C-alpha atoms as a PDB file:
ATOM      1  CA  MET A   1     150.675 248.590  91.325  1.00  0.00           C
ATOM      2  CA  ALA A   2     151.870 244.981  91.195  1.00  0.00           C
ATOM      3  CA  ASP A   3     148.545 243.840  89.708  1.00  0.00           C
ATOM      4  CA  LYS A   4     148.855 246.399  86.916  1.00  0.00           C
ATOM      5  CA  ASN A   5     152.366 245.200  86.019  1.00  0.00           C
ATOM      6  CA  LEU A   6     151.230 241.593  86.177  1.00  0.00           C
ATOM      7  CA  GLY A   7     148.401 242.405  83.775  1.00  0.00           C
ATOM      8  CA  LYS A   8     150.866 243.936  81.308  1.00  0.00           C
ATOM      9  CA  TRP A   9     153.082 240.865  81.450  1.00  0.00           C
ATOM     10  CA  VAL A  10     150.154 238.526  80.961  1.00  0.00           C
ATOM     11  CA  LYS A  11     149.002 240.538  77.941  1.00  0.00           C
ATOM     12  CA  LEU A  12     152.498 240.533  76.402  1.00  0.00           C
ATOM     13  CA  ILE A  13     152.946 236.804  76.974  1.00  0.00           C
ATOM     14  CA  SER A  14     149.527 236.189  75.456  1.00  0.00           C
ATOM     15  CA  VAL A  15     150.397 238.181  72.325  1.00  0.00           C
ATOM     16  CA  GLY A  16     153.794 236.505  72.017  1.00  0.00           C
ATOM     17  CA  SER A  17     152.451 232.985  72.345  1.00  0.00           C
ATOM     18  CA  SER A  18     149.588 233.778  69.980  1.00  0.00           C
ATOM     19  CA  PHE A  19     152.062 234.964  67.347  1.00  0.00           C
ATOM     20  CA  THR A  20     154.278 231.913  67.799  1.00  0.00           C
ATOM     21  CA  VAL A  21     151.423 229.442  67.480  1.00  0.00           C
ATOM     22  CA  THR A  22     149.922 231.289  64.510  1.00  0.00           C
ATOM     23  CA  LEU A  23     153.215 231.533  62.625  1.00  0.00           C
ATOM     24  CA  ALA A  24     154.052 227.876  63.238  1.00  0.00           C
ATOM     25  CA  GLY A  25     150.517 226.768  62.329  1.00  0.00           C
ATOM     26  CA  LEU A  26     150.501 228.711  59.079  1.00  0.00           C
ATOM     27  CA  ALA A  27     153.956 227.482  58.039  1.00  0.00           C
ATOM     28  CA  ILE A  28     153.206 223.854  58.936  1.00  0.00           C
ATOM     29  CA  GLY A  29     149.773 224.049  57.319  1.00  0.00           C
ATOM     30  CA  GLY A  30     151.366 225.472  54.168  1.00  0.00           C
ATOM     31  CA  TYR A  31     153.893 222.658  54.145  1.00  0.00           C
ATOM     32  CA  PHE A  32     151.334 219.880  54.422  1.00  0.00           C
ATOM     33  CA  LEU A  33     148.873 221.448  51.990  1.00  0.00           C
ATOM     34  CA  GLY A  34     151.694 222.140  49.523  1.00  0.00           C
ATOM     35  CA  ARG A  35     153.040 218.622  49.867  1.00  0.00           C
ATOM     36  CA  PHE A  36     149.578 217.188  49.281  1.00  0.00           C
ATOM     37  CA  LEU A  37     149.096 219.295  46.142  1.00  0.00           C
ATOM     38  CA  ASP A  38     152.602 218.513  44.883  1.00  0.00           C
ATOM     39  CA  LEU A  39     152.073 214.770  45.275  1.00  0.00           C
ATOM     40  CA  LYS A  40     148.677 214.956  43.558  1.00  0.00           C
ATOM     41  CA  LEU A  41     150.012 217.019  40.647  1.00  0.00           C
ATOM     42  CA  GLY A  42     153.492 215.453  40.535  1.00  0.00           C
ATOM     43  CA  ILE A  43     155.405 218.758  40.671  1.00  0.00           C
ATOM     44  CA  PHE A  44     157.229 218.432  43.997  1.00  0.00           C
ATOM     45  CA  PRO A  45     158.383 220.887  45.639  1.00  0.00           C
ATOM     46  CA  VAL A  46     156.685 223.851  43.914  1.00  0.00           C
ATOM     47  CA  PHE A  47     153.534 224.176  46.034  1.00  0.00           C
ATOM     48  CA  THR A  48     155.328 223.075  49.197  1.00  0.00           C
ATOM     49  CA  ILE A  49     157.746 225.994  48.977  1.00  0.00           C
ATOM     50  CA  LEU A  50     155.153 228.514  47.787  1.00  0.00           C
ATOM     51  CA  LEU A  51     152.594 227.684  50.463  1.00  0.00           C
ATOM     52  CA  MET A  52     155.194 227.586  53.241  1.00  0.00           C
ATOM     53  CA  LEU A  53     156.392 231.045  52.205  1.00  0.00           C
ATOM     54  CA  ALA A  54     152.786 232.240  52.036  1.00  0.00           C
ATOM     55  CA  GLY A  55     152.264 230.941  55.575  1.00  0.00           C
ATOM     56  CA  VAL A  56     155.325 232.782  56.867  1.00  0.00           C
ATOM     57  CA  ILE A  57     154.278 235.995  55.095  1.00  0.00           C
ATOM     58  CA  LEU A  58     150.773 235.756  56.539  1.00  0.00           C
ATOM     59  CA  GLY A  59     152.310 235.157  59.974  1.00  0.00           C
ATOM     60  CA  VAL A  60     154.409 238.308  59.689  1.00  0.00           C
ATOM     61  CA  ILE A  61     151.344 240.277  58.561  1.00  0.00           C
ATOM     62  CA  TYR A  62     149.507 238.939  61.610  1.00  0.00           C
ATOM     63  CA  LEU A  63     152.398 240.025  63.835  1.00  0.00           C
ATOM     64  CA  VAL A  64     152.360 243.573  62.447  1.00  0.00           C
ATOM     65  CA  TRP A  65     148.569 243.748  62.779  1.00  0.00           C
ATOM     66  CA  SER A  66     148.725 242.478  66.374  1.00  0.00           C
ATOM     67  CA  ILE A  67     151.406 244.988  67.351  1.00  0.00           C
ATOM     68  CA  MET A  68     149.433 247.840  65.789  1.00  0.00           C
ATOM     69  CA  LYS A  69     146.315 246.711  67.632  1.00  0.00           C
ATOM     70  CA  LEU A  70     148.267 246.429  70.899  1.00  0.00           C
ATOM     71  CA  GLU A  71     149.736 249.907  70.473  1.00  0.00           C
ATOM     72  CA  LYS A  72     146.314 251.367  69.686  1.00  0.00           C
ATOM     73  CA  SER A  73     144.806 249.806  72.833  1.00  0.00           C
ATOM     74  CA  LYS A  74     147.757 251.098  74.869  1.00  0.00           C
ATOM     75  CA  ASP A  75     147.087 254.664  73.706  1.00  0.00           C
ATOM     76  CA  GLU A  76     143.428 254.542  74.753  1.00  0.00           C
END
């Protein structure tokens, strides 16, 4: 019984840390890519803001997808 509960906790921690790293990576990646494009094109902060928002939106989509996948595996 304890091993089963431990497995659930490990799975939840894994999903939570995966979401955190993915969201942070997408937002930071959007920032640096946007900053690079803004400096090249001379239109700071247009791409920085747009790509950071795109990163956050993609992170939220990933969260929803992960939760749906987790719920589906829990039902089976």
